[in-house]
PDB file of all heavy atoms in Angstrom:
ATOM      1  N   LYS A   1     130.050 102.799 116.840  1.00  0.00           N
ATOM      2  CA  LYS A   1     129.629 101.837 115.841  1.00  0.00           C
ATOM      3  C   LYS A   1     128.099 101.711 115.889  1.00  0.00           C
ATOM      4  O   LYS A   1     127.552 101.535 116.959  1.00  0.00           O
ATOM      5  CB  LYS A   1     130.246 100.448 116.084  1.00  0.00           C
ATOM      6  CG  LYS A   1     131.805 100.428 115.796  1.00  0.00           C
ATOM      7  CD  LYS A   1     132.373  99.043 115.856  1.00  0.00           C
ATOM      8  CE  LYS A   1     133.860  99.045 115.595  1.00  0.00           C
ATOM      9  NZ  LYS A   1     134.200  99.462 114.260  1.00  0.00           N
ATOM     10  N   VAL A   2     127.445 101.837 114.763  1.00  0.00           N
ATOM     11  CA  VAL A   2     126.007 101.770 114.667  1.00  0.00           C
ATOM     12  C   VAL A   2     125.641 100.725 113.613  1.00  0.00           C
ATOM     13  O   VAL A   2     126.435 100.434 112.761  1.00  0.00           O
ATOM     14  CB  VAL A   2     125.378 103.144 114.328  1.00  0.00           C
ATOM     15  CG1 VAL A   2     125.673 104.158 115.367  1.00  0.00           C
ATOM     16  CG2 VAL A   2     125.847 103.648 112.964  1.00  0.00           C
ATOM     17  N   SER A   3     124.425 100.171 113.731  1.00  0.00           N
ATOM     18  CA  SER A   3     123.914  99.221 112.734  1.00  0.00           C
ATOM     19  C   SER A   3     123.830  99.831 111.327  1.00  0.00           C
ATOM     20  O   SER A   3     123.505 100.987 111.207  1.00  0.00           O
ATOM     21  CB  SER A   3     122.545  98.699 113.149  1.00  0.00           C
ATOM     22  OG  SER A   3     122.087  97.747 112.197  1.00  0.00           O
ATOM     23  N   CYS A   4     124.276  99.103 110.346  1.00  0.00           N
ATOM     24  CA  CYS A   4     124.240  99.633 108.973  1.00  0.00           C
ATOM     25  C   CYS A   4     122.831  99.992 108.481  1.00  0.00           C
ATOM     26  O   CYS A   4     121.974  99.149 108.621  1.00  0.00           O
ATOM     27  CB  CYS A   4     124.925  98.558 108.038  1.00  0.00           C
ATOM     28  SG  CYS A   4     124.866  99.070 106.272  1.00  0.00           S
ATOM     29  N   ASP A   5     122.653 101.177 108.034  1.00  0.00           N
ATOM     30  CA  ASP A   5     121.294 101.612 107.654  1.00  0.00           C
ATOM     31  C   ASP A   5     120.960 101.087 106.145  1.00  0.00           C
ATOM     32  O   ASP A   5     119.784 101.187 105.736  1.00  0.00           O
ATOM     33  CB  ASP A   5     121.187 103.132 107.646  1.00  0.00           C
ATOM     34  CG  ASP A   5     122.296 103.789 106.827  1.00  0.00           C
ATOM     35  OD1 ASP A   5     123.109 103.135 106.292  1.00  0.00           O
ATOM     36  OD2 ASP A   5     122.216 105.063 106.726  1.00  0.00           O
ATOM     37  N   VAL A   6     121.893 100.449 105.486  1.00  0.00           N
ATOM     38  CA  VAL A   6     121.600  99.912 104.197  1.00  0.00           C
ATOM     39  C   VAL A   6     121.018  98.523 104.279  1.00  0.00           C
ATOM     40  O   VAL A   6     120.006  98.204 103.651  1.00  0.00           O
ATOM     41  CB  VAL A   6     122.886  99.927 103.314  1.00  0.00           C
ATOM     42  CG1 VAL A   6     122.572  99.307 101.926  1.00  0.00           C
ATOM     43  CG2 VAL A   6     123.390 101.362 103.154  1.00  0.00           C
ATOM     44  N   CYS A   7     121.729  97.698 105.077  1.00  0.00           N
ATOM     45  CA  CYS A   7     121.286  96.261 105.171  1.00  0.00           C
ATOM     46  C   CYS A   7     120.595  95.983 106.545  1.00  0.00           C
ATOM     47  O   CYS A   7     120.209  94.861 106.797  1.00  0.00           O
ATOM     48  CB  CYS A   7     122.452  95.321 104.975  1.00  0.00           C
ATOM     49  SG  CYS A   7     123.739  95.473 106.292  1.00  0.00           S
ATOM     50  N   ASN A   8     120.486  97.019 107.387  1.00  0.00           N
ATOM     51  CA  ASN A   8     119.954  96.847 108.740  1.00  0.00           C
ATOM     52  C   ASN A   8     120.617  95.802 109.550  1.00  0.00           C
ATOM     53  O   ASN A   8     120.030  95.033 110.354  1.00  0.00           O
ATOM     54  CB  ASN A   8     118.431  96.477 108.666  1.00  0.00           C
ATOM     55  CG  ASN A   8     117.563  97.592 108.027  1.00  0.00           C
ATOM     56  OD1 ASN A   8     117.741  98.771 108.358  1.00  0.00           O
ATOM     57  ND2 ASN A   8     116.672  97.224 107.130  1.00  0.00           N
ATOM     58  N   GLY A   9     121.963  95.766 109.377  1.00  0.00           N
ATOM     59  CA  GLY A   9     122.829  94.907 110.203  1.00  0.00           C
ATOM     60  C   GLY A   9     122.790  93.438 109.652  1.00  0.00           C
ATOM     61  O   GLY A   9     123.383  92.608 110.330  1.00  0.00           O
ATOM     62  N   LEU A  10     122.206  93.155 108.506  1.00  0.00           N
ATOM     63  CA  LEU A  10     122.098  91.829 108.024  1.00  0.00           C
ATOM     64  C   LEU A  10     123.369  91.362 107.138  1.00  0.00           C
ATOM     65  O   LEU A  10     123.432  90.219 106.726  1.00  0.00           O
ATOM     66  CB  LEU A  10     120.859  91.551 107.185  1.00  0.00           C
ATOM     67  CG  LEU A  10     119.563  91.669 108.002  1.00  0.00           C
ATOM     68  CD1 LEU A  10     118.330  91.522 107.045  1.00  0.00           C
ATOM     69  CD2 LEU A  10     119.481  90.573 109.049  1.00  0.00           C
ATOM     70  N   ARG A  11     124.268  92.334 106.837  1.00  0.00           N
ATOM     71  CA  ARG A  11     125.557  92.108 106.248  1.00  0.00           C
ATOM     72  C   ARG A  11     125.534  91.829 104.715  1.00  0.00           C
ATOM     73  O   ARG A  11     126.509  91.844 104.036  1.00  0.00           O
ATOM     74  CB  ARG A  11     126.288  90.910 106.905  1.00  0.00           C
ATOM     75  CG  ARG A  11     126.575  91.097 108.354  1.00  0.00           C
ATOM     76  CD  ARG A  11     127.485  90.042 108.818  1.00  0.00           C
ATOM     77  NE  ARG A  11     127.836  90.140 110.194  1.00  0.00           N
ATOM     78  CZ  ARG A  11     128.836  89.732 110.834  1.00  0.00           C
ATOM     79  NH1 ARG A  11     129.784  89.154 110.083  1.00  0.00           N
ATOM     80  NH2 ARG A  11     129.006  89.771 112.170  1.00  0.00           N
ATOM     81  N   PHE A  12     124.282  91.537 104.152  1.00  0.00           N
ATOM     82  CA  PHE A  12     124.223  91.106 102.724  1.00  0.00           C
ATOM     83  C   PHE A  12     123.308  92.133 102.010  1.00  0.00           C
ATOM     84  O   PHE A  12     122.449  92.777 102.600  1.00  0.00           O
ATOM     85  CB  PHE A  12     123.701  89.699 102.592  1.00  0.00           C
ATOM     86  CG  PHE A  12     124.633  88.697 103.164  1.00  0.00           C
ATOM     87  CD1 PHE A  12     124.460  88.244 104.490  1.00  0.00           C
ATOM     88  CD2 PHE A  12     125.598  88.099 102.394  1.00  0.00           C
ATOM     89  CE1 PHE A  12     125.256  87.259 105.010  1.00  0.00           C
ATOM     90  CE2 PHE A  12     126.441  87.151 102.907  1.00  0.00           C
ATOM     91  CZ  PHE A  12     126.280  86.739 104.204  1.00  0.00           C
ATOM     92  N   ASN A  13     123.450  92.168 100.659  1.00  0.00           N
ATOM     93  CA  ASN A  13     122.559  93.035  99.856  1.00  0.00           C
ATOM     94  C   ASN A  13     121.231  92.370  99.657  1.00  0.00           C
ATOM     95  O   ASN A  13     121.063  91.211  99.929  1.00  0.00           O
ATOM     96  CB  ASN A  13     123.218  93.424  98.497  1.00  0.00           C
ATOM     97  CG  ASN A  13     123.624  92.188  97.651  1.00  0.00           C
ATOM     98  OD1 ASN A  13     122.896  91.177  97.706  1.00  0.00           O
ATOM     99  ND2 ASN A  13     124.761  92.287  96.982  1.00  0.00           N
ATOM    100  N   SER A  14     120.285  93.113  99.127  1.00  0.00           N
ATOM    101  CA  SER A  14     118.934  92.682  99.067  1.00  0.00           C
ATOM    102  C   SER A  14     118.765  91.442  98.128  1.00  0.00           C
ATOM    103  O   SER A  14     117.916  90.586  98.359  1.00  0.00           O
ATOM    104  CB  SER A  14     117.980  93.780  98.571  1.00  0.00           C
ATOM    105  OG  SER A  14     118.434  94.293  97.306  1.00  0.00           O
ATOM    106  N   GLU A  15     119.564  91.370  97.014  1.00  0.00           N
ATOM    107  CA  GLU A  15     119.461  90.221  96.174  1.00  0.00           C
ATOM    108  C   GLU A  15     119.839  88.912  96.893  1.00  0.00           C
ATOM    109  O   GLU A  15     119.209  87.922  96.684  1.00  0.00           O
ATOM    110  CB  GLU A  15     120.293  90.432  94.948  1.00  0.00           C
ATOM    111  CG  GLU A  15     119.863  91.526  93.984  1.00  0.00           C
ATOM    112  CD  GLU A  15     120.328  92.923  94.415  1.00  0.00           C
ATOM    113  OE1 GLU A  15     121.020  92.972  95.477  1.00  0.00           O
ATOM    114  OE2 GLU A  15     119.822  93.906  93.831  1.00  0.00           O
ATOM    115  N   THR A  16     120.875  89.021  97.592  1.00  0.00           N
ATOM    116  CA  THR A  16     121.332  87.800  98.401  1.00  0.00           C
ATOM    117  C   THR A  16     120.352  87.424  99.438  1.00  0.00           C
ATOM    118  O   THR A  16     120.023  86.282  99.666  1.00  0.00           O
ATOM    119  CB  THR A  16     122.696  88.074  98.995  1.00  0.00           C
ATOM    120  OG1 THR A  16     123.634  88.539  97.921  1.00  0.00           O
ATOM    121  CG2 THR A  16     123.280  86.807  99.619  1.00  0.00           C
ATOM    122  N   LEU A  17     119.794  88.434 100.136  1.00  0.00           N
ATOM    123  CA  LEU A  17     118.809  88.183 101.167  1.00  0.00           C
ATOM    124  C   LEU A  17     117.502  87.650 100.682  1.00  0.00           C
ATOM    125  O   LEU A  17     116.723  87.074 101.423  1.00  0.00           O
ATOM    126  CB  LEU A  17     118.581  89.459 101.979  1.00  0.00           C
ATOM    127  CG  LEU A  17     119.769  90.023 102.772  1.00  0.00           C
ATOM    128  CD1 LEU A  17     119.455  91.370 103.378  1.00  0.00           C
ATOM    129  CD2 LEU A  17     120.114  88.990 103.901  1.00  0.00           C
ATOM    130  N   SER A  18     117.265  87.734  99.392  1.00  0.00           N
ATOM    131  CA  SER A  18     115.967  87.268  98.861  1.00  0.00           C
ATOM    132  C   SER A  18     115.969  85.739  98.691  1.00  0.00           C
ATOM    133  O   SER A  18     114.870  85.131  98.483  1.00  0.00           O
ATOM    134  CB  SER A  18     115.629  87.926  97.526  1.00  0.00           C
ATOM    135  OG  SER A  18     116.619  87.555  96.547  1.00  0.00           O
ATOM    136  N   VAL A  19     117.171  85.112  98.796  1.00  0.00           N
ATOM    137  CA  VAL A  19     117.260  83.620  98.706  1.00  0.00           C
ATOM    138  C   VAL A  19     116.919  83.110 100.107  1.00  0.00           C
ATOM    139  O   VAL A  19     117.582  83.392 101.052  1.00  0.00           O
ATOM    140  CB  VAL A  19     118.619  83.234  98.237  1.00  0.00           C
ATOM    141  CG1 VAL A  19     118.718  81.684  98.262  1.00  0.00           C
ATOM    142  CG2 VAL A  19     118.916  83.752  96.881  1.00  0.00           C
ATOM    143  N   LEU A  20     115.863  82.283 100.164  1.00  0.00           N
ATOM    144  CA  LEU A  20     115.432  81.748 101.437  1.00  0.00           C
ATOM    145  C   LEU A  20     115.666  80.207 101.539  1.00  0.00           C
ATOM    146  O   LEU A  20     115.519  79.489 100.539  1.00  0.00           O
ATOM    147  CB  LEU A  20     113.975  82.095 101.699  1.00  0.00           C
ATOM    148  CG  LEU A  20     113.552  83.499 101.620  1.00  0.00           C
ATOM    149  CD1 LEU A  20     112.054  83.679 101.940  1.00  0.00           C
ATOM    150  CD2 LEU A  20     114.368  84.372 102.662  1.00  0.00           C
ATOM    151  N   TRP A  21     115.969  79.767 102.724  1.00  0.00           N
ATOM    152  CA  TRP A  21     116.010  78.288 103.022  1.00  0.00           C
ATOM    153  C   TRP A  21     115.209  78.121 104.276  1.00  0.00           C
ATOM    154  O   TRP A  21     115.478  78.634 105.323  1.00  0.00           O
ATOM    155  CB  TRP A  21     117.429  77.824 103.164  1.00  0.00           C
ATOM    156  CG  TRP A  21     117.545  76.350 103.431  1.00  0.00           C
ATOM    157  CD1 TRP A  21     117.330  75.331 102.609  1.00  0.00           C
ATOM    158  CD2 TRP A  21     117.893  75.710 104.689  1.00  0.00           C
ATOM    159  NE1 TRP A  21     117.489  74.153 103.188  1.00  0.00           N
ATOM    160  CE2 TRP A  21     117.881  74.346 104.460  1.00  0.00           C
ATOM    161  CE3 TRP A  21     118.251  76.199 105.977  1.00  0.00           C
ATOM    162  CZ2 TRP A  21     118.118  73.398 105.508  1.00  0.00           C
ATOM    163  CZ3 TRP A  21     118.535  75.288 106.954  1.00  0.00           C
ATOM    164  CH2 TRP A  21     118.506  73.877 106.725  1.00  0.00           C
ATOM    165  N   ARG A  22     114.190  77.295 104.175  1.00  0.00           N
ATOM    166  CA  ARG A  22     113.257  77.063 105.261  1.00  0.00           C
ATOM    167  C   ARG A  22     112.686  78.345 105.860  1.00  0.00           C
ATOM    168  O   ARG A  22     112.512  78.510 107.051  1.00  0.00           O
ATOM    169  CB  ARG A  22     113.896  76.252 106.416  1.00  0.00           C
ATOM    170  CG  ARG A  22     114.327  74.834 106.000  1.00  0.00           C
ATOM    171  CD  ARG A  22     114.770  74.041 107.269  1.00  0.00           C
ATOM    172  NE  ARG A  22     113.732  73.916 108.253  1.00  0.00           N
ATOM    173  CZ  ARG A  22     113.921  73.487 109.466  1.00  0.00           C
ATOM    174  NH1 ARG A  22     115.123  73.185 109.919  1.00  0.00           N
ATOM    175  NH2 ARG A  22     112.891  73.431 110.267  1.00  0.00           N
ATOM    176  N   GLY A  23     112.447  79.314 104.940  1.00  0.00           N
ATOM    177  CA  GLY A  23     111.826  80.566 105.279  1.00  0.00           C
ATOM    178  C   GLY A  23     112.818  81.573 105.924  1.00  0.00           C
ATOM    179  O   GLY A  23     112.355  82.706 106.314  1.00  0.00           O
ATOM    180  N   LYS A  24     114.132  81.313 105.933  1.00  0.00           N
ATOM    181  CA  LYS A  24     115.071  82.204 106.514  1.00  0.00           C
ATOM    182  C   LYS A  24     116.113  82.611 105.453  1.00  0.00           C
ATOM    183  O   LYS A  24     116.538  81.766 104.615  1.00  0.00           O
ATOM    184  CB  LYS A  24     115.811  81.544 107.632  1.00  0.00           C
ATOM    185  CG  LYS A  24     114.875  81.096 108.811  1.00  0.00           C
ATOM    186  CD  LYS A  24     114.463  82.272 109.689  1.00  0.00           C
ATOM    187  CE  LYS A  24     113.675  81.812 110.904  1.00  0.00           C
ATOM    188  NZ  LYS A  24     113.194  82.886 111.719  1.00  0.00           N
ATOM    189  N   SER A  25     116.457  83.905 105.498  1.00  0.00           N
ATOM    190  CA  SER A  25     117.577  84.369 104.664  1.00  0.00           C
ATOM    191  C   SER A  25     118.938  84.061 105.315  1.00  0.00           C
ATOM    192  O   SER A  25     118.944  83.735 106.500  1.00  0.00           O
ATOM    193  CB  SER A  25     117.446  85.839 104.314  1.00  0.00           C
ATOM    194  OG  SER A  25     117.732  86.611 105.546  1.00  0.00           O
ATOM    195  N   ILE A  26     120.010  84.259 104.538  1.00  0.00           N
ATOM    196  CA  ILE A  26     121.349  84.000 105.150  1.00  0.00           C
ATOM    197  C   ILE A  26     121.651  85.045 106.311  1.00  0.00           C
ATOM    198  O   ILE A  26     122.269  84.690 107.305  1.00  0.00           O
ATOM    199  CB  ILE A  26     122.471  84.094 104.067  1.00  0.00           C
ATOM    200  CG1 ILE A  26     123.753  83.644 104.552  1.00  0.00           C
ATOM    201  CG2 ILE A  26     122.485  85.499 103.492  1.00  0.00           C
ATOM    202  CD1 ILE A  26     123.930  82.160 104.609  1.00  0.00           C
ATOM    203  N   GLY A  27     121.053  86.219 106.114  1.00  0.00           N
ATOM    204  CA  GLY A  27     121.177  87.217 107.244  1.00  0.00           C
ATOM    205  C   GLY A  27     120.370  86.839 108.440  1.00  0.00           C
ATOM    206  O   GLY A  27     120.895  87.062 109.600  1.00  0.00           O
ATOM    207  N   ASP A  28     119.204  86.266 108.289  1.00  0.00           N
ATOM    208  CA  ASP A  28     118.403  85.784 109.433  1.00  0.00           C
ATOM    209  C   ASP A  28     119.155  84.712 110.207  1.00  0.00           C
ATOM    210  O   ASP A  28     119.101  84.690 111.387  1.00  0.00           O
ATOM    211  CB  ASP A  28     117.055  85.281 108.984  1.00  0.00           C
ATOM    212  CG  ASP A  28     116.167  86.359 108.284  1.00  0.00           C
ATOM    213  OD1 ASP A  28     116.334  87.512 108.714  1.00  0.00           O
ATOM    214  OD2 ASP A  28     115.382  86.012 107.445  1.00  0.00           O
ATOM    215  N   VAL A  29     119.835  83.857 109.465  1.00  0.00           N
ATOM    216  CA  VAL A  29     120.565  82.770 110.088  1.00  0.00           C
ATOM    217  C   VAL A  29     121.688  83.300 110.973  1.00  0.00           C
ATOM    218  O   VAL A  29     121.923  82.847 112.092  1.00  0.00           O
ATOM    219  CB  VAL A  29     121.110  81.766 109.076  1.00  0.00           C
ATOM    220  CG1 VAL A  29     122.099  80.784 109.690  1.00  0.00           C
ATOM    221  CG2 VAL A  29     119.995  80.997 108.412  1.00  0.00           C
ATOM    222  N   LEU A  30     122.348  84.317 110.450  1.00  0.00           N
ATOM    223  CA  LEU A  30     123.453  84.924 111.273  1.00  0.00           C
ATOM    224  C   LEU A  30     122.957  85.558 112.568  1.00  0.00           C
ATOM    225  O   LEU A  30     123.643  85.535 113.573  1.00  0.00           O
ATOM    226  CB  LEU A  30     124.202  85.987 110.467  1.00  0.00           C
ATOM    227  CG  LEU A  30     125.329  85.542 109.476  1.00  0.00           C
ATOM    228  CD1 LEU A  30     125.886  86.725 108.720  1.00  0.00           C
ATOM    229  CD2 LEU A  30     126.423  84.912 110.309  1.00  0.00           C
ATOM    230  N   ASN A  31     121.719  86.051 112.479  1.00  0.00           N
ATOM    231  CA  ASN A  31     121.142  86.701 113.747  1.00  0.00           C
ATOM    232  C   ASN A  31     120.450  85.643 114.618  1.00  0.00           C
ATOM    233  O   ASN A  31     119.862  86.025 115.647  1.00  0.00           O
ATOM    234  CB  ASN A  31     120.161  87.756 113.260  1.00  0.00           C
ATOM    235  CG  ASN A  31     120.880  88.997 112.732  1.00  0.00           C
ATOM    236  OD1 ASN A  31     122.056  89.226 113.091  1.00  0.00           O
ATOM    237  ND2 ASN A  31     120.230  89.800 111.942  1.00  0.00           N
ATOM    238  N   MET A  32     120.432  84.399 114.218  1.00  0.00           N
ATOM    239  CA  MET A  32     119.759  83.364 114.998  1.00  0.00           C
ATOM    240  C   MET A  32     120.619  82.959 116.208  1.00  0.00           C
ATOM    241  O   MET A  32     121.887  82.884 116.077  1.00  0.00           O
ATOM    242  CB  MET A  32     119.519  82.131 114.069  1.00  0.00           C
ATOM    243  CG  MET A  32     118.666  81.057 114.661  1.00  0.00           C
ATOM    244  SD  MET A  32     118.475  79.712 113.425  1.00  0.00           S
ATOM    245  CE  MET A  32     117.469  80.553 112.181  1.00  0.00           C
ATOM    246  N   SER A  33     120.034  82.751 117.315  1.00  0.00           N
ATOM    247  CA  SER A  33     120.776  82.270 118.518  1.00  0.00           C
ATOM    248  C   SER A  33     121.228  80.808 118.237  1.00  0.00           C
ATOM    249  O   SER A  33     120.608  80.069 117.505  1.00  0.00           O
ATOM    250  CB  SER A  33     119.950  82.366 119.785  1.00  0.00           C
ATOM    251  OG  SER A  33     118.951  81.334 119.768  1.00  0.00           O
ATOM    252  N   ILE A  34     122.238  80.459 118.942  1.00  0.00           N
ATOM    253  CA  ILE A  34     122.787  79.033 118.843  1.00  0.00           C
ATOM    254  C   ILE A  34     121.670  78.015 119.322  1.00  0.00           C
ATOM    255  O   ILE A  34     121.531  77.003 118.664  1.00  0.00           O
ATOM    256  CB  ILE A  34     124.043  78.926 119.613  1.00  0.00           C
ATOM    257  CG1 ILE A  34     125.157  79.658 118.890  1.00  0.00           C
ATOM    258  CG2 ILE A  34     124.486  77.447 119.819  1.00  0.00           C
ATOM    259  CD1 ILE A  34     126.471  79.834 119.703  1.00  0.00           C
TER     260      ILE A  34
END
């Protein structure tokens, strides 16, 4: 298993990742530590 080369492991497409909340995308939040 390797990181996806399309989304770089962020799980979402670029249009979805362009929506930011407090400077973070939904993919950034998933990669955030607890």
